Protein backbone atom coordinates (compact mmCIF):
# COMPACT_ATOMS: atom_id res chain seq x y z
CA MET A 1 14.07 -77.13 -90.92
CA HIS A 2 14.93 -73.72 -92.55
CA THR A 3 12.87 -70.56 -92.24
CA TYR A 4 13.22 -67.78 -94.83
CA LYS A 5 11.29 -64.57 -94.39
CA VAL A 6 10.91 -61.54 -96.57
CA GLU A 7 13.48 -58.86 -95.91
CA GLN A 8 15.12 -61.03 -93.21
CA GLU A 9 18.90 -61.36 -92.88
CA ILE A 10 19.79 -64.70 -94.41
CA GLY A 11 23.38 -65.35 -93.17
CA PRO A 12 26.63 -66.00 -95.00
CA LEU A 13 26.72 -66.86 -98.72
CA GLU A 14 29.54 -67.84 -101.10
CA ARG A 15 30.30 -66.56 -104.52
CA TRP A 16 28.51 -68.58 -107.28
CA PRO A 17 30.21 -67.45 -110.54
CA PHE A 18 28.30 -67.84 -113.87
CA THR A 19 30.67 -70.62 -115.10
CA ASN A 20 28.71 -73.87 -115.10
CA PRO A 21 28.91 -75.14 -118.66
CA ALA A 22 25.67 -77.03 -118.27
CA SER A 23 23.81 -73.77 -117.54
CA ASP A 24 25.47 -72.13 -120.59
CA TYR A 25 25.35 -68.59 -119.03
CA ARG A 26 25.34 -65.51 -121.27
CA ILE A 27 25.65 -62.07 -119.74
CA MET A 28 23.14 -59.72 -121.49
CA ARG A 29 23.60 -56.50 -119.44
CA GLY A 30 25.89 -55.12 -116.69
CA GLU A 31 28.06 -57.23 -114.56
CA PRO A 32 25.73 -59.36 -112.36
CA LYS A 33 27.38 -61.22 -109.54
CA ALA A 34 25.62 -64.26 -107.74
CA PHE A 35 26.02 -65.65 -104.33
CA GLY A 36 24.42 -68.63 -102.78
CA ARG A 37 24.11 -71.27 -100.17
CA LEU A 38 22.71 -74.84 -100.19
CA ASP A 39 20.93 -75.69 -97.06
CA GLU A 40 19.89 -79.24 -98.20
CA GLY A 41 20.90 -81.44 -101.10
CA GLY A 42 23.39 -80.61 -103.85
CA PRO A 43 25.85 -82.51 -105.92
CA GLY A 44 24.86 -86.27 -106.08
CA HIS A 45 21.28 -85.43 -104.81
CA PHE A 46 17.94 -85.10 -106.69
CA THR A 47 16.89 -82.03 -104.84
CA ARG A 48 18.42 -78.79 -103.50
CA LEU A 49 17.08 -76.13 -101.02
CA GLY A 50 18.88 -72.82 -100.42
CA ILE A 51 19.33 -69.11 -100.81
CA TRP A 52 20.54 -67.29 -103.91
CA GLN A 53 21.32 -63.56 -104.38
CA CYS A 54 22.40 -61.68 -107.45
CA THR A 55 23.31 -58.07 -108.07
CA ALA A 56 21.72 -55.95 -110.89
CA GLY A 57 22.26 -56.96 -114.53
CA ALA A 58 20.81 -59.43 -116.93
CA PHE A 59 21.86 -62.93 -118.04
CA GLU A 60 20.49 -65.84 -119.98
CA CYS A 61 20.85 -69.48 -118.87
CA THR A 62 19.44 -73.00 -119.18
CA GLU A 63 17.69 -74.18 -115.97
CA LEU A 64 19.18 -77.42 -114.55
CA GLY A 65 16.15 -78.49 -112.64
CA ASP A 66 12.43 -77.83 -111.96
CA GLU A 67 12.58 -75.02 -109.37
CA LEU A 68 10.12 -73.30 -107.13
CA GLN A 69 11.33 -69.86 -105.95
CA VAL A 70 10.22 -67.19 -103.62
CA LEU A 71 11.65 -63.64 -103.91
CA LEU A 72 12.61 -62.34 -100.45
CA ALA A 73 14.07 -58.97 -101.54
CA GLY A 74 14.59 -56.93 -104.70
CA ARG A 75 12.88 -56.71 -108.12
CA MET A 76 13.52 -58.74 -111.15
CA ARG A 77 11.97 -59.82 -114.49
CA LEU A 78 11.97 -63.23 -115.93
CA ILE A 79 11.71 -63.57 -119.69
CA ARG A 80 10.67 -66.97 -121.01
CA PRO A 81 11.58 -68.69 -124.29
CA ASP A 82 8.36 -67.60 -125.83
CA GLY A 83 9.16 -63.91 -125.06
CA SER A 84 6.63 -63.56 -122.32
CA GLU A 85 7.84 -61.43 -119.32
CA GLN A 86 6.83 -61.54 -115.67
CA GLU A 87 8.15 -59.05 -112.98
CA PHE A 88 8.56 -60.17 -109.32
CA GLY A 89 9.04 -58.48 -106.04
CA PRO A 90 9.39 -59.48 -102.41
CA GLY A 91 6.93 -62.33 -101.52
CA ASP A 92 6.25 -63.39 -105.12
CA SER A 93 6.82 -67.02 -106.00
CA PHE A 94 7.57 -68.42 -109.48
CA TYR A 95 8.55 -71.70 -111.15
CA THR A 96 11.12 -72.52 -113.82
CA ARG A 97 11.34 -75.81 -115.64
CA ARG A 98 14.43 -78.07 -116.20
CA GLY A 99 15.81 -77.34 -119.68
CA GLU A 100 14.12 -74.07 -120.10
CA ARG A 101 16.25 -71.27 -121.50
CA VAL A 102 15.38 -67.98 -119.59
CA THR A 103 16.70 -64.43 -119.16
CA TRP A 104 16.94 -63.11 -115.73
CA ASP A 105 16.84 -59.37 -115.70
CA ILE A 106 17.71 -58.34 -112.13
CA ILE A 107 16.33 -54.76 -111.68
CA GLU A 108 17.32 -54.36 -108.05
CA ASP A 109 19.62 -56.81 -106.26
CA VAL A 110 17.57 -59.84 -105.36
CA THR A 111 17.48 -62.49 -102.70
CA LYS A 112 15.40 -65.66 -103.30
CA ALA A 113 14.74 -68.98 -101.51
CA PHE A 114 14.57 -71.95 -103.76
CA PHE A 115 13.74 -75.67 -103.97
CA SER A 116 14.96 -77.52 -107.14
CA TYR A 117 14.46 -81.12 -108.40
CA SER A 118 16.30 -82.88 -111.26
CA PRO A 119 15.47 -86.51 -112.02
CA ASP A 120 19.14 -86.97 -113.10
CA GLY A 121 20.55 -85.43 -109.85
CA PHE A 122 22.66 -82.31 -109.59
């Protein structure tokens, strides 16, 4: 079992570059850098559970699975394909859908916990 708490130290992460062709990343502003860790699941599995961090900047990508996320630190804005925007801070949760093309506008460096599901596996 993994416990993630708002503003708590989350341990070591590895660099997760914006290079996955399936996500089709496009940097929109700045030079955001992402880091992460899978605590459960991953390649060859239908689910993933872990931690993700990103520095300030903005990027667009296609979501690879249905994902429930809880922001543990920082501030960000998520822009949906219909143009609607939502801003999130520590303790806020949100959901993105598999195949959805979204823009992540990272206002302040963020840390999130996430649980993802893909019926085709990751």
